């Protein structure tokens, strides 16, 4: 079982991020947190955020599926010319 202190940390992160997340990014963030925790992570993230366990599982599947299909990373900043 994941310690309550870890659940509280996830809750605090979620409270800070949630206004900026859409449905997809919320699902993927929750899945990433659950994956990082390992066994018991899905339940811990559910307890911290109220996001359904099925939604977190769907996010995990989406992360696995998309890892192979992602396009190359694009630069956010322009290359500096000296």
N, C-alpha and C. Protein backbone atom coordinates (compact mmCIF):
# COMPACT_ATOMS: atom_id res chain seq x y z
N UNK A 1 0.84 -1.18 0.00
CA UNK A 1 0.00 0.00 0.00
C UNK A 1 0.88 1.24 0.00
N UNK A 2 0.46 2.22 -0.75
CA UNK A 2 1.18 3.49 -0.86
C UNK A 2 0.90 4.31 0.41
N UNK A 3 1.94 4.86 1.04
CA UNK A 3 1.74 5.65 2.27
C UNK A 3 0.85 6.88 2.05
N UNK A 4 0.11 7.24 3.09
CA UNK A 4 -0.78 8.41 3.02
C UNK A 4 -0.02 9.68 2.69
N UNK A 5 1.23 9.78 3.11
CA UNK A 5 2.02 10.98 2.81
C UNK A 5 2.25 11.14 1.31
N UNK A 6 2.41 10.03 0.62
CA UNK A 6 2.60 10.07 -0.84
C UNK A 6 1.28 10.45 -1.51
N UNK A 7 0.18 9.90 -1.03
CA UNK A 7 -1.14 10.24 -1.56
C UNK A 7 -1.38 11.75 -1.40
N UNK A 8 -1.01 12.29 -0.27
CA UNK A 8 -1.17 13.72 -0.01
C UNK A 8 -0.32 14.54 -0.98
N UNK A 9 0.89 14.10 -1.28
CA UNK A 9 1.74 14.82 -2.24
C UNK A 9 1.11 14.83 -3.62
N UNK A 10 0.54 13.70 -4.03
CA UNK A 10 -0.13 13.63 -5.32
C UNK A 10 -1.33 14.57 -5.33
N UNK A 11 -2.07 14.58 -4.25
CA UNK A 11 -3.24 15.46 -4.13
C UNK A 11 -2.82 16.92 -4.28
N UNK A 12 -1.73 17.30 -3.65
CA UNK A 12 -1.25 18.69 -3.73
C UNK A 12 -0.82 19.04 -5.15
N UNK A 13 -0.13 18.12 -5.83
CA UNK A 13 0.27 18.36 -7.22
C UNK A 13 -0.97 18.50 -8.10
N UNK A 14 -1.93 17.63 -7.90
CA UNK A 14 -3.14 17.66 -8.71
C UNK A 14 -3.90 18.97 -8.50
N UNK A 15 -3.99 19.41 -7.26
CA UNK A 15 -4.68 20.67 -6.97
C UNK A 15 -4.04 21.84 -7.72
N UNK A 16 -2.71 21.82 -7.82
CA UNK A 16 -2.00 22.89 -8.53
C UNK A 16 -2.18 22.79 -10.04
N UNK A 17 -2.15 21.58 -10.57
CA UNK A 17 -2.19 21.38 -12.03
C UNK A 17 -3.59 21.36 -12.62
N UNK A 18 -4.56 20.89 -11.89
CA UNK A 18 -5.87 20.58 -12.47
C UNK A 18 -6.53 21.72 -13.24
N UNK A 19 -6.36 22.99 -12.84
CA UNK A 19 -7.00 24.04 -13.64
C UNK A 19 -6.45 24.14 -15.07
N UNK A 20 -5.27 23.59 -15.31
CA UNK A 20 -4.62 23.70 -16.61
C UNK A 20 -4.74 22.44 -17.46
N UNK A 21 -5.35 21.40 -16.91
CA UNK A 21 -5.43 20.12 -17.61
C UNK A 21 -6.76 19.95 -18.32
N UNK A 22 -6.70 19.42 -19.54
CA UNK A 22 -7.93 19.02 -20.21
C UNK A 22 -8.16 17.54 -19.91
N UNK A 23 -9.21 16.97 -20.47
CA UNK A 23 -9.54 15.59 -20.15
C UNK A 23 -8.39 14.62 -20.47
N UNK A 24 -7.80 14.79 -21.63
CA UNK A 24 -6.72 13.89 -22.06
C UNK A 24 -5.47 14.08 -21.21
N UNK A 25 -5.06 15.32 -21.00
CA UNK A 25 -3.84 15.55 -20.22
C UNK A 25 -4.03 15.12 -18.77
N UNK A 26 -5.24 15.26 -18.25
CA UNK A 26 -5.53 14.80 -16.88
C UNK A 26 -5.37 13.28 -16.79
N UNK A 27 -5.91 12.58 -17.78
CA UNK A 27 -5.81 11.11 -17.81
C UNK A 27 -4.36 10.66 -17.93
N UNK A 28 -3.60 11.31 -18.81
CA UNK A 28 -2.20 10.92 -19.00
C UNK A 28 -1.34 11.28 -17.79
N UNK A 29 -1.61 12.43 -17.16
CA UNK A 29 -0.86 12.80 -15.95
C UNK A 29 -1.12 11.78 -14.85
N UNK A 30 -2.40 11.43 -14.65
CA UNK A 30 -2.76 10.47 -13.61
C UNK A 30 -2.10 9.12 -13.88
N UNK A 31 -2.08 8.70 -15.14
CA UNK A 31 -1.46 7.42 -15.50
C UNK A 31 0.05 7.46 -15.24
N UNK A 32 0.67 8.58 -15.54
CA UNK A 32 2.11 8.72 -15.31
C UNK A 32 2.43 8.64 -13.82
N UNK A 33 1.63 9.29 -13.01
CA UNK A 33 1.83 9.23 -11.55
C UNK A 33 1.64 7.80 -11.05
N UNK A 34 0.60 7.13 -11.53
CA UNK A 34 0.33 5.75 -11.11
C UNK A 34 1.46 4.82 -11.51
N UNK A 35 1.95 4.99 -12.72
CA UNK A 35 3.05 4.14 -13.20
C UNK A 35 4.30 4.36 -12.36
N UNK A 36 4.58 5.60 -12.02
CA UNK A 36 5.77 5.91 -11.22
C UNK A 36 5.71 5.26 -9.83
N UNK A 37 4.50 5.11 -9.30
CA UNK A 37 4.34 4.51 -7.97
C UNK A 37 4.43 3.00 -8.00
N UNK A 38 4.17 2.39 -9.14
CA UNK A 38 4.20 0.94 -9.22
C UNK A 38 2.96 0.32 -8.61
N UNK A 39 3.14 -0.86 -8.01
CA UNK A 39 2.00 -1.60 -7.45
C UNK A 39 1.23 -0.73 -6.46
N UNK A 40 -0.07 -0.61 -6.65
CA UNK A 40 -0.91 0.22 -5.79
C UNK A 40 -1.04 1.65 -6.27
N UNK A 41 -0.35 1.98 -7.34
CA UNK A 41 -0.34 3.36 -7.84
C UNK A 41 -1.69 3.83 -8.35
N UNK A 42 -2.41 2.96 -9.03
CA UNK A 42 -3.72 3.35 -9.56
C UNK A 42 -4.65 3.74 -8.42
N UNK A 43 -4.71 2.92 -7.39
CA UNK A 43 -5.58 3.22 -6.26
C UNK A 43 -5.13 4.49 -5.54
N UNK A 44 -3.82 4.68 -5.38
CA UNK A 44 -3.31 5.87 -4.69
C UNK A 44 -3.68 7.14 -5.45
N UNK A 45 -3.53 7.12 -6.77
CA UNK A 45 -3.87 8.30 -7.57
C UNK A 45 -5.38 8.54 -7.53
N UNK A 46 -6.16 7.48 -7.57
CA UNK A 46 -7.61 7.61 -7.44
C UNK A 46 -7.97 8.27 -6.11
N UNK A 47 -7.37 7.79 -5.03
CA UNK A 47 -7.65 8.35 -3.70
C UNK A 47 -7.26 9.82 -3.63
N UNK A 48 -6.16 10.19 -4.26
CA UNK A 48 -5.65 11.55 -4.19
C UNK A 48 -6.46 12.52 -5.04
N UNK A 49 -7.00 12.03 -6.16
CA UNK A 49 -7.59 12.94 -7.14
C UNK A 49 -9.07 12.75 -7.39
N UNK A 50 -9.58 11.56 -7.09
CA UNK A 50 -10.97 11.26 -7.41
C UNK A 50 -11.14 10.81 -8.85
N UNK A 51 -10.06 10.76 -9.63
CA UNK A 51 -10.12 10.27 -11.00
C UNK A 51 -10.39 8.76 -10.94
N UNK A 52 -11.32 8.29 -11.76
CA UNK A 52 -11.70 6.89 -11.67
C UNK A 52 -10.53 5.98 -12.04
N UNK A 53 -10.52 4.82 -11.41
CA UNK A 53 -9.46 3.84 -11.68
C UNK A 53 -9.50 3.39 -13.14
N UNK A 54 -10.69 3.29 -13.72
CA UNK A 54 -10.80 2.91 -15.13
C UNK A 54 -10.18 3.97 -16.03
N UNK A 55 -10.35 5.24 -15.68
CA UNK A 55 -9.76 6.32 -16.46
C UNK A 55 -8.24 6.26 -16.37
N UNK A 56 -7.71 5.97 -15.20
CA UNK A 56 -6.26 5.86 -15.03
C UNK A 56 -5.73 4.68 -15.83
N UNK A 57 -6.44 3.56 -15.80
CA UNK A 57 -6.04 2.39 -16.60
C UNK A 57 -6.05 2.72 -18.09
N UNK A 58 -7.07 3.46 -18.52
CA UNK A 58 -7.13 3.86 -19.93
C UNK A 58 -5.94 4.74 -20.29
N UNK A 59 -5.55 5.61 -19.37
CA UNK A 59 -4.38 6.45 -19.59
C UNK A 59 -3.11 5.63 -19.71
N UNK A 60 -2.98 4.60 -18.88
CA UNK A 60 -1.82 3.72 -18.96
C UNK A 60 -1.75 3.01 -20.32
N UNK A 61 -2.90 2.53 -20.79
CA UNK A 61 -2.94 1.88 -22.10
C UNK A 61 -2.58 2.87 -23.20
N UNK A 62 -3.09 4.08 -23.07
CA UNK A 62 -2.80 5.11 -24.06
C UNK A 62 -1.30 5.45 -24.08
N UNK A 63 -0.70 5.55 -22.92
CA UNK A 63 0.74 5.81 -22.86
C UNK A 63 1.54 4.69 -23.52
N UNK A 64 1.17 3.47 -23.26
CA UNK A 64 1.87 2.32 -23.85
C UNK A 64 1.71 2.31 -25.37
N UNK A 65 0.52 2.58 -25.83
CA UNK A 65 0.22 2.54 -27.26
C UNK A 65 0.92 3.67 -28.00
N UNK A 66 0.94 4.86 -27.41
CA UNK A 66 1.49 6.02 -28.09
C UNK A 66 3.00 6.12 -28.03
N UNK A 67 3.63 5.41 -27.13
CA UNK A 67 5.08 5.49 -27.02
C UNK A 67 5.75 5.09 -28.32
N UNK A 68 5.17 4.14 -29.03
CA UNK A 68 5.74 3.68 -30.30
C UNK A 68 5.33 4.56 -31.48
N UNK A 69 4.27 5.34 -31.33
CA UNK A 69 3.72 6.10 -32.44
C UNK A 69 4.02 7.60 -32.38
N UNK A 70 4.81 8.03 -31.40
CA UNK A 70 5.07 9.46 -31.25
C UNK A 70 5.98 9.98 -32.36
N UNK A 71 5.66 11.15 -32.90
CA UNK A 71 6.56 11.75 -33.88
C UNK A 71 7.81 12.27 -33.18
N UNK A 72 8.87 12.56 -33.94
CA UNK A 72 10.07 13.12 -33.31
C UNK A 72 9.73 14.43 -32.59
N UNK A 73 10.42 14.68 -31.50
CA UNK A 73 10.20 15.90 -30.73
C UNK A 73 10.57 17.12 -31.56
N UNK A 74 9.74 18.15 -31.49
CA UNK A 74 10.03 19.40 -32.15
C UNK A 74 10.60 20.37 -31.13
N UNK A 75 11.45 21.25 -31.59
CA UNK A 75 12.01 22.25 -30.71
C UNK A 75 10.94 23.25 -30.31
N UNK A 76 10.96 23.69 -29.09
CA UNK A 76 10.06 24.74 -28.64
C UNK A 76 10.71 26.10 -28.88
N UNK A 77 12.00 26.15 -28.63
CA UNK A 77 12.73 27.39 -28.84
C UNK A 77 13.52 27.33 -30.13
N UNK A 78 13.71 28.47 -30.70
CA UNK A 78 14.49 28.57 -31.90
C UNK A 78 15.96 28.40 -31.57
N UNK A 79 16.72 27.83 -32.49
CA UNK A 79 18.16 27.69 -32.30
C UNK A 79 18.78 29.08 -32.31
N UNK A 80 19.60 29.37 -31.31
CA UNK A 80 20.22 30.69 -31.20
C UNK A 80 21.29 30.86 -32.27
N UNK A 81 21.26 32.01 -32.93
CA UNK A 81 22.26 32.33 -33.93
C UNK A 81 23.27 33.28 -33.30
N UNK A 82 24.53 32.90 -33.28
CA UNK A 82 25.57 33.75 -32.68
C UNK A 82 26.37 34.44 -33.71
